[in-house]
PDB file of N, CA and C in Angstrom:
ATOM      1  N   MET A   1       0.856  -1.176   0.000  1.00  0.00           N
ATOM      2  CA  MET A   1       0.000   0.000   0.000  1.00  0.00           C
ATOM      3  C   MET A   1       0.899   1.236   0.000  1.00  0.00           C
ATOM      4  N   GLU A   2       0.554   2.199  -0.809  1.00  0.00           N
ATOM      5  CA  GLU A   2       1.329   3.433  -0.885  1.00  0.00           C
ATOM      6  C   GLU A   2       1.082   4.296   0.353  1.00  0.00           C
ATOM      7  N   LEU A   3       1.981   5.223   0.593  1.00  0.00           N
ATOM      8  CA  LEU A   3       1.914   6.069   1.776  1.00  0.00           C
ATOM      9  C   LEU A   3       0.573   6.778   1.903  1.00  0.00           C
ATOM     10  N   PHE A   4       0.124   7.455   0.860  1.00  0.00           N
ATOM     11  CA  PHE A   4      -1.104   8.241   0.955  1.00  0.00           C
ATOM     12  C   PHE A   4      -2.343   7.361   1.075  1.00  0.00           C
ATOM     13  N   GLU A   5      -2.292   6.173   0.479  1.00  0.00           N
ATOM     14  CA  GLU A   5      -3.395   5.221   0.670  1.00  0.00           C
ATOM     15  C   GLU A   5      -3.440   4.763   2.130  1.00  0.00           C
ATOM     16  N   THR A   6      -2.286   4.536   2.682  1.00  0.00           N
ATOM     17  CA  THR A   6      -2.205   4.120   4.085  1.00  0.00           C
ATOM     18  C   THR A   6      -2.751   5.217   4.996  1.00  0.00           C
ATOM     19  N   ILE A   7      -2.343   6.441   4.748  1.00  0.00           N
ATOM     20  CA  ILE A   7      -2.817   7.562   5.570  1.00  0.00           C
ATOM     21  C   ILE A   7      -4.330   7.718   5.436  1.00  0.00           C
ATOM     22  N   ALA A   8      -4.843   7.636   4.213  1.00  0.00           N
ATOM     23  CA  ALA A   8      -6.279   7.807   3.977  1.00  0.00           C
ATOM     24  C   ALA A   8      -7.089   6.658   4.579  1.00  0.00           C
ATOM     25  N   ALA A   9      -6.519   5.476   4.645  1.00  0.00           N
ATOM     26  CA  ALA A   9      -7.253   4.302   5.114  1.00  0.00           C
ATOM     27  C   ALA A   9      -7.203   4.126   6.630  1.00  0.00           C
ATOM     28  N   ARG A  10      -6.378   4.868   7.292  1.00  0.00           N
ATOM     29  CA  ARG A  10      -6.237   4.678   8.734  1.00  0.00           C
ATOM     30  C   ARG A  10      -7.509   5.103   9.455  1.00  0.00           C
ATOM     31  N   GLY A  11      -7.713   4.537  10.602  1.00  0.00           N
ATOM     32  CA  GLY A  11      -8.906   4.873  11.374  1.00  0.00           C
ATOM     33  C   GLY A  11      -8.650   4.696  12.854  1.00  0.00           C
ATOM     34  N   SER A  12      -9.456   5.310  13.661  1.00  0.00           N
ATOM     35  CA  SER A  12      -9.339   5.175  15.107  1.00  0.00           C
ATOM     36  C   SER A  12     -10.160   3.983  15.573  1.00  0.00           C
ATOM     37  N   LYS A  13      -9.641   3.273  16.512  1.00  0.00           N
ATOM     38  CA  LYS A  13     -10.345   2.119  17.083  1.00  0.00           C
ATOM     39  C   LYS A  13     -10.812   2.498  18.485  1.00  0.00           C
ATOM     40  N   ARG A  14     -12.090   2.321  18.739  1.00  0.00           N
ATOM     41  CA  ARG A  14     -12.627   2.681  20.040  1.00  0.00           C
ATOM     42  C   ARG A  14     -13.252   1.485  20.761  1.00  0.00           C
ATOM     43  N   LYS A  15     -13.288   0.365  20.100  1.00  0.00           N
ATOM     44  CA  LYS A  15     -13.814  -0.842  20.722  1.00  0.00           C
ATOM     45  C   LYS A  15     -12.744  -1.924  20.611  1.00  0.00           C
ATOM     46  N   PHE A  16     -12.477  -2.569  21.708  1.00  0.00           N
ATOM     47  CA  PHE A  16     -11.438  -3.577  21.751  1.00  0.00           C
ATOM     48  C   PHE A  16     -11.990  -4.859  22.346  1.00  0.00           C
ATOM     49  N   THR A  17     -11.347  -5.943  22.043  1.00  0.00           N
ATOM     50  CA  THR A  17     -11.719  -7.224  22.633  1.00  0.00           C
ATOM     51  C   THR A  17     -10.767  -7.528  23.787  1.00  0.00           C
ATOM     52  N   ASN A  18     -11.067  -8.556  24.533  1.00  0.00           N
ATOM     53  CA  ASN A  18     -10.162  -9.002  25.594  1.00  0.00           C
ATOM     54  C   ASN A  18      -9.148 -10.008  25.063  1.00  0.00           C
ATOM     55  N   GLU A  19      -9.184 -10.234  23.758  1.00  0.00           N
ATOM     56  CA  GLU A  19      -8.275 -11.191  23.139  1.00  0.00           C
ATOM     57  C   GLU A  19      -6.840 -10.669  23.214  1.00  0.00           C
ATOM     58  N   PRO A  20      -5.903 -11.474  23.702  1.00  0.00           N
ATOM     59  CA  PRO A  20      -4.520 -10.990  23.810  1.00  0.00           C
ATOM     60  C   PRO A  20      -3.886 -10.777  22.434  1.00  0.00           C
ATOM     61  N   VAL A  21      -3.004  -9.807  22.370  1.00  0.00           N
ATOM     62  CA  VAL A  21      -2.265  -9.541  21.137  1.00  0.00           C
ATOM     63  C   VAL A  21      -1.071 -10.494  21.118  1.00  0.00           C
ATOM     64  N   PRO A  22      -0.875 -11.203  20.020  1.00  0.00           N
ATOM     65  CA  PRO A  22       0.263 -12.137  19.953  1.00  0.00           C
ATOM     66  C   PRO A  22       1.588 -11.410  20.201  1.00  0.00           C
ATOM     67  N   ARG A  23       2.468 -12.056  20.937  1.00  0.00           N
ATOM     68  CA  ARG A  23       3.745 -11.439  21.299  1.00  0.00           C
ATOM     69  C   ARG A  23       4.569 -11.037  20.076  1.00  0.00           C
ATOM     70  N   ASP A  24       4.499 -11.802  18.994  1.00  0.00           N
ATOM     71  CA  ASP A  24       5.284 -11.436  17.812  1.00  0.00           C
ATOM     72  C   ASP A  24       4.782 -10.124  17.198  1.00  0.00           C
ATOM     73  N   ILE A  25       3.484  -9.862  17.294  1.00  0.00           N
ATOM     74  CA  ILE A  25       2.925  -8.597  16.806  1.00  0.00           C
ATOM     75  C   ILE A  25       3.393  -7.453  17.705  1.00  0.00           C
ATOM     76  N   VAL A  26       3.358  -7.664  19.012  1.00  0.00           N
ATOM     77  CA  VAL A  26       3.840  -6.636  19.950  1.00  0.00           C
ATOM     78  C   VAL A  26       5.304  -6.342  19.670  1.00  0.00           C
ATOM     79  N   LYS A  27       6.085  -7.387  19.471  1.00  0.00           N
ATOM     80  CA  LYS A  27       7.519  -7.201  19.189  1.00  0.00           C
ATOM     81  C   LYS A  27       7.723  -6.371  17.925  1.00  0.00           C
ATOM     82  N   LYS A  28       6.970  -6.655  16.869  1.00  0.00           N
ATOM     83  CA  LYS A  28       7.091  -5.891  15.625  1.00  0.00           C
ATOM     84  C   LYS A  28       6.710  -4.427  15.835  1.00  0.00           C
ATOM     85  N   CYS A  29       5.667  -4.181  16.627  1.00  0.00           N
ATOM     86  CA  CYS A  29       5.243  -2.803  16.905  1.00  0.00           C
ATOM     87  C   CYS A  29       6.307  -2.050  17.685  1.00  0.00           C
ATOM     88  N   VAL A  30       6.894  -2.701  18.673  1.00  0.00           N
ATOM     89  CA  VAL A  30       7.949  -2.058  19.471  1.00  0.00           C
ATOM     90  C   VAL A  30       9.168  -1.780  18.598  1.00  0.00           C
ATOM     91  N   GLU A  31       9.521  -2.723  17.750  1.00  0.00           N
ATOM     92  CA  GLU A  31      10.654  -2.506  16.847  1.00  0.00           C
ATOM     93  C   GLU A  31      10.385  -1.325  15.913  1.00  0.00           C
ATOM     94  N   ALA A  32       9.161  -1.216  15.404  1.00  0.00           N
ATOM     95  CA  ALA A  32       8.808  -0.100  14.520  1.00  0.00           C
ATOM     96  C   ALA A  32       8.863   1.221  15.285  1.00  0.00           C
ATOM     97  N   ALA A  33       8.348   1.228  16.514  1.00  0.00           N
ATOM     98  CA  ALA A  33       8.380   2.450  17.326  1.00  0.00           C
ATOM     99  C   ALA A  33       9.817   2.869  17.617  1.00  0.00           C
ATOM    100  N   GLY A  34      10.687   1.898  17.801  1.00  0.00           N
ATOM    101  CA  GLY A  34      12.093   2.198  18.074  1.00  0.00           C
ATOM    102  C   GLY A  34      12.814   2.835  16.904  1.00  0.00           C
ATOM    103  N   ARG A  35      12.246   2.717  15.720  1.00  0.00           N
ATOM    104  CA  ARG A  35      12.851   3.324  14.523  1.00  0.00           C
ATOM    105  C   ARG A  35      12.344   4.741  14.264  1.00  0.00           C
ATOM    106  N   ALA A  36      11.469   5.232  15.119  1.00  0.00           N
ATOM    107  CA  ALA A  36      10.941   6.586  14.920  1.00  0.00           C
ATOM    108  C   ALA A  36      12.080   7.600  15.008  1.00  0.00           C
ATOM    109  N   PRO A  37      11.975   8.678  14.253  1.00  0.00           N
ATOM    110  CA  PRO A  37      13.028   9.691  14.285  1.00  0.00           C
ATOM    111  C   PRO A  37      13.137  10.353  15.654  1.00  0.00           C
ATOM    112  N   SER A  38      14.344  10.749  15.980  1.00  0.00           N
ATOM    113  CA  SER A  38      14.581  11.485  17.218  1.00  0.00           C
ATOM    114  C   SER A  38      15.711  12.476  16.964  1.00  0.00           C
ATOM    115  N   PRO A  39      15.799  13.515  17.806  1.00  0.00           N
ATOM    116  CA  PRO A  39      16.889  14.483  17.621  1.00  0.00           C
ATOM    117  C   PRO A  39      18.249  13.790  17.654  1.00  0.00           C
ATOM    118  N   HIS A  40      19.078  14.097  16.706  1.00  0.00           N
ATOM    119  CA  HIS A  40      20.430  13.547  16.591  1.00  0.00           C
ATOM    120  C   HIS A  40      20.419  12.026  16.464  1.00  0.00           C
ATOM    121  N   ASN A  41      19.282  11.467  16.072  1.00  0.00           N
ATOM    122  CA  ASN A  41      19.131  10.019  15.892  1.00  0.00           C
ATOM    123  C   ASN A  41      19.537   9.239  17.153  1.00  0.00           C
ATOM    124  N   GLU A  42      19.265   9.814  18.306  1.00  0.00           N
ATOM    125  CA  GLU A  42      19.667   9.169  19.564  1.00  0.00           C
ATOM    126  C   GLU A  42      18.713   8.077  20.015  1.00  0.00           C
ATOM    127  N   GLN A  43      17.454   8.142  19.641  1.00  0.00           N
ATOM    128  CA  GLN A  43      16.431   7.190  20.082  1.00  0.00           C
ATOM    129  C   GLN A  43      16.603   6.865  21.576  1.00  0.00           C
ATOM    130  N   PRO A  44      16.351   7.839  22.442  1.00  0.00           N
ATOM    131  CA  PRO A  44      16.622   7.668  23.869  1.00  0.00           C
ATOM    132  C   PRO A  44      15.556   6.894  24.633  1.00  0.00           C
ATOM    133  N   TRP A  45      14.525   6.425  23.982  1.00  0.00           N
ATOM    134  CA  TRP A  45      13.411   5.795  24.675  1.00  0.00           C
ATOM    135  C   TRP A  45      13.677   4.348  25.033  1.00  0.00           C
ATOM    136  N   LYS A  46      12.878   3.898  25.977  1.00  0.00           N
ATOM    137  CA  LYS A  46      12.874   2.491  26.368  1.00  0.00           C
ATOM    138  C   LYS A  46      11.420   2.042  26.357  1.00  0.00           C
ATOM    139  N   PHE A  47      11.163   0.805  26.009  1.00  0.00           N
ATOM    140  CA  PHE A  47       9.817   0.267  25.934  1.00  0.00           C
ATOM    141  C   PHE A  47       9.672  -0.912  26.882  1.00  0.00           C
ATOM    142  N   VAL A  48       8.514  -1.010  27.470  1.00  0.00           N
ATOM    143  CA  VAL A  48       8.187  -2.146  28.316  1.00  0.00           C
ATOM    144  C   VAL A  48       6.819  -2.642  27.875  1.00  0.00           C
ATOM    145  N   ALA A  49       6.728  -3.900  27.525  1.00  0.00           N
ATOM    146  CA  ALA A  49       5.447  -4.505  27.143  1.00  0.00           C
ATOM    147  C   ALA A  49       4.934  -5.274  28.359  1.00  0.00           C
ATOM    148  N   VAL A  50       3.759  -4.898  28.822  1.00  0.00           N
ATOM    149  CA  VAL A  50       3.165  -5.546  29.991  1.00  0.00           C
ATOM    150  C   VAL A  50       1.998  -6.400  29.516  1.00  0.00           C
ATOM    151  N   PHE A  51       2.067  -7.687  29.783  1.00  0.00           N
ATOM    152  CA  PHE A  51       1.036  -8.620  29.334  1.00  0.00           C
ATOM    153  C   PHE A  51       0.111  -9.058  30.470  1.00  0.00           C
ATOM    154  N   ASN A  52       0.468  -8.757  31.693  1.00  0.00           N
ATOM    155  CA  ASN A  52      -0.306  -9.171  32.861  1.00  0.00           C
ATOM    156  C   ASN A  52      -1.398  -8.131  33.113  1.00  0.00           C
ATOM    157  N   SER A  53      -2.675  -8.507  32.932  1.00  0.00           N
ATOM    158  CA  SER A  53      -3.764  -7.534  33.044  1.00  0.00           C
ATOM    159  C   SER A  53      -3.904  -6.982  34.459  1.00  0.00           C
ATOM    160  N   ALA A  54      -3.640  -7.791  35.466  1.00  0.00           N
ATOM    161  CA  ALA A  54      -3.704  -7.296  36.848  1.00  0.00           C
ATOM    162  C   ALA A  54      -2.652  -6.214  37.067  1.00  0.00           C
ATOM    163  N   LYS A  55      -1.472  -6.423  36.516  1.00  0.00           N
ATOM    164  CA  LYS A  55      -0.391  -5.431  36.646  1.00  0.00           C
ATOM    165  C   LYS A  55      -0.754  -4.156  35.882  1.00  0.00           C
ATOM    166  N   LEU A  56      -1.373  -4.301  34.711  1.00  0.00           N
ATOM    167  CA  LEU A  56      -1.807  -3.118  33.949  1.00  0.00           C
ATOM    168  C   LEU A  56      -2.833  -2.302  34.733  1.00  0.00           C
ATOM    169  N   ASN A  57      -3.789  -2.982  35.358  1.00  0.00           N
ATOM    170  CA  ASN A  57      -4.790  -2.281  36.170  1.00  0.00           C
ATOM    171  C   ASN A  57      -4.134  -1.558  37.339  1.00  0.00           C
ATOM    172  N   GLU A  58      -3.177  -2.216  37.984  1.00  0.00           N
ATOM    173  CA  GLU A  58      -2.449  -1.601  39.103  1.00  0.00           C
ATOM    174  C   GLU A  58      -1.686  -0.363  38.623  1.00  0.00           C
ATOM    175  N   MET A  59      -1.037  -0.479  37.480  1.00  0.00           N
ATOM    176  CA  MET A  59      -0.298   0.659  36.927  1.00  0.00           C
ATOM    177  C   MET A  59      -1.254   1.803  36.593  1.00  0.00           C
ATOM    178  N   GLY A  60      -2.427   1.482  36.058  1.00  0.00           N
ATOM    179  CA  GLY A  60      -3.416   2.503  35.728  1.00  0.00           C
ATOM    180  C   GLY A  60      -3.870   3.275  36.951  1.00  0.00           C
ATOM    181  N   LYS A  61      -4.056   2.576  38.056  1.00  0.00           N
ATOM    182  CA  LYS A  61      -4.461   3.243  39.300  1.00  0.00           C
ATOM    183  C   LYS A  61      -3.372   4.186  39.782  1.00  0.00           C
ATOM    184  N   VAL A  62      -2.128   3.752  39.698  1.00  0.00           N
ATOM    185  CA  VAL A  62      -1.006   4.605  40.124  1.00  0.00           C
ATOM    186  C   VAL A  62      -0.929   5.853  39.254  1.00  0.00           C
ATOM    187  N   VAL A  63      -1.098   5.687  37.955  1.00  0.00           N
ATOM    188  CA  VAL A  63      -1.068   6.835  37.045  1.00  0.00           C
ATOM    189  C   VAL A  63      -2.225   7.781  37.370  1.00  0.00           C
ATOM    190  N   GLY A  64      -3.407   7.236  37.678  1.00  0.00           N
ATOM    191  CA  GLY A  64      -4.549   8.068  38.047  1.00  0.00           C
ATOM    192  C   GLY A  64      -4.266   8.928  39.270  1.00  0.00           C
ATOM    193  N   VAL A  65      -3.638   8.334  40.280  1.00  0.00           N
ATOM    194  CA  VAL A  65      -3.274   9.089  41.493  1.00  0.00           C
ATOM    195  C   VAL A  65      -2.288  10.198  41.144  1.00  0.00           C
ATOM    196  N   LYS A  66      -1.298   9.879  40.321  1.00  0.00           N
ATOM    197  CA  LYS A  66      -0.301  10.887  39.930  1.00  0.00           C
ATOM    198  C   LYS A  66      -0.951  12.027  39.137  1.00  0.00           C
ATOM    199  N   LEU A  67      -1.897  11.683  38.254  1.00  0.00           N
ATOM    200  CA  LEU A  67      -2.589  12.724  37.493  1.00  0.00           C
ATOM    201  C   LEU A  67      -3.416  13.614  38.411  1.00  0.00           C
ATOM    202  N   ASP A  68      -4.082  13.029  39.385  1.00  0.00           N
ATOM    203  CA  ASP A  68      -4.847  13.826  40.349  1.00  0.00           C
ATOM    204  C   ASP A  68      -3.935  14.830  41.048  1.00  0.00           C
ATOM    205  N   ARG A  69      -2.776  14.369  41.453  1.00  0.00           N
ATOM    206  CA  ARG A  69      -1.806  15.272  42.125  1.00  0.00           C
ATOM    207  C   ARG A  69      -1.329  16.361  41.170  1.00  0.00           C
ATOM    208  N   LEU A  70      -1.039  15.975  39.952  1.00  0.00           N
ATOM    209  CA  LEU A  70      -0.556  16.937  38.955  1.00  0.00           C
ATOM    210  C   LEU A  70      -1.607  17.995  38.674  1.00  0.00           C
ATOM    211  N   PHE A  71      -2.859  17.564  38.467  1.00  0.00           N
ATOM    212  CA  PHE A  71      -3.920  18.511  38.143  1.00  0.00           C
ATOM    213  C   PHE A  71      -4.280  19.400  39.337  1.00  0.00           C
ATOM    214  N   SER A  72      -4.088  18.915  40.535  1.00  0.00           N
ATOM    215  CA  SER A  72      -4.398  19.747  41.702  1.00  0.00           C
ATOM    216  C   SER A  72      -3.280  20.748  41.990  1.00  0.00           C
ATOM    217  N   ALA A  73      -2.086  20.479  41.483  1.00  0.00           N
ATOM    218  CA  ALA A  73      -0.942  21.358  41.741  1.00  0.00           C
ATOM    219  C   ALA A  73      -0.872  22.536  40.773  1.00  0.00           C
ATOM    220  N   ALA A  74      -1.508  22.417  39.612  1.00  0.00           N
ATOM    221  CA  ALA A  74      -1.417  23.479  38.610  1.00  0.00           C
ATOM    222  C   ALA A  74      -2.794  23.709  38.011  1.00  0.00           C
ATOM    223  N   PRO A  75      -3.089  24.940  37.636  1.00  0.00           N
ATOM    224  CA  PRO A  75      -4.386  25.201  37.008  1.00  0.00           C
ATOM    225  C   PRO A  75      -4.477  24.509  35.652  1.00  0.00           C
ATOM    226  N   VAL A  76      -5.484  23.655  35.519  1.00  0.00           N
ATOM    227  CA  VAL A  76      -5.690  22.914  34.279  1.00  0.00           C
ATOM    228  C   VAL A  76      -7.168  22.999  33.929  1.00  0.00           C
ATOM    229  N   ASP A  77      -7.446  23.215  32.659  1.00  0.00           N
ATOM    230  CA  ASP A  77      -8.827  23.237  32.191  1.00  0.00           C
ATOM    231  C   ASP A  77      -9.490  21.903  32.544  1.00  0.00           C
ATOM    232  N   ALA A  78     -10.660  21.954  33.150  1.00  0.00           N
ATOM    233  CA  ALA A  78     -11.347  20.749  33.617  1.00  0.00           C
ATOM    234  C   ALA A  78     -11.630  19.772  32.481  1.00  0.00           C
ATOM    235  N   GLU A  79     -11.981  20.282  31.316  1.00  0.00           N
ATOM    236  CA  GLU A  79     -12.273  19.400  30.179  1.00  0.00           C
ATOM    237  C   GLU A  79     -11.013  18.679  29.708  1.00  0.00           C
ATOM    238  N   ILE A  80      -9.902  19.383  29.680  1.00  0.00           N
ATOM    239  CA  ILE A  80      -8.639  18.750  29.301  1.00  0.00           C
ATOM    240  C   ILE A  80      -8.263  17.676  30.319  1.00  0.00           C
ATOM    241  N   ALA A  81      -8.407  17.992  31.603  1.00  0.00           N
ATOM    242  CA  ALA A  81      -8.093  17.018  32.650  1.00  0.00           C
ATOM    243  C   ALA A  81      -8.962  15.773  32.508  1.00  0.00           C
ATOM    244  N   ARG A  82     -10.244  15.953  32.209  1.00  0.00           N
ATOM    245  CA  ARG A  82     -11.148  14.818  32.058  1.00  0.00           C
ATOM    246  C   ARG A  82     -10.707  13.942  30.887  1.00  0.00           C
ATOM    247  N   LYS A  83     -10.346  14.555  29.783  1.00  0.00           N
ATOM    248  CA  LYS A  83      -9.926  13.797  28.606  1.00  0.00           C
ATOM    249  C   LYS A  83      -8.618  13.040  28.877  1.00  0.00           C
ATOM    250  N   VAL A  84      -7.695  13.690  29.554  1.00  0.00           N
ATOM    251  CA  VAL A  84      -6.413  13.040  29.857  1.00  0.00           C
ATOM    252  C   VAL A  84      -6.637  11.857  30.782  1.00  0.00           C
ATOM    253  N   LYS A  85      -7.451  12.032  31.804  1.00  0.00           N
ATOM    254  CA  LYS A  85      -7.698  10.949  32.750  1.00  0.00           C
ATOM    255  C   LYS A  85      -8.443   9.805  32.103  1.00  0.00           C
ATOM    256  N   TRP A  86      -9.302  10.076  31.122  1.00  0.00           N
ATOM    257  CA  TRP A  86     -10.037   9.016  30.445  1.00  0.00           C
ATOM    258  C   TRP A  86      -9.063   8.131  29.710  1.00  0.00           C
TER     259      TRP A  86
END
């Protein structure tokens, strides 16, 4: 598929299944993300793939607490805060 066909055909997904994503697909996605451009071609990022749903839920709760603290410490538009927390 050509670049512009790919861009035109892309879409947002808002409904997901509980079906696990095969590890080889996750690996390919992480490898592709690692090739993204960065200043001075440094690619300073690190990736962690979490497959344990209980751990993901725990991480989500921790992030929620941190966001609450962040939003209470600085003036933030309520609608933006709601969207970020969602």
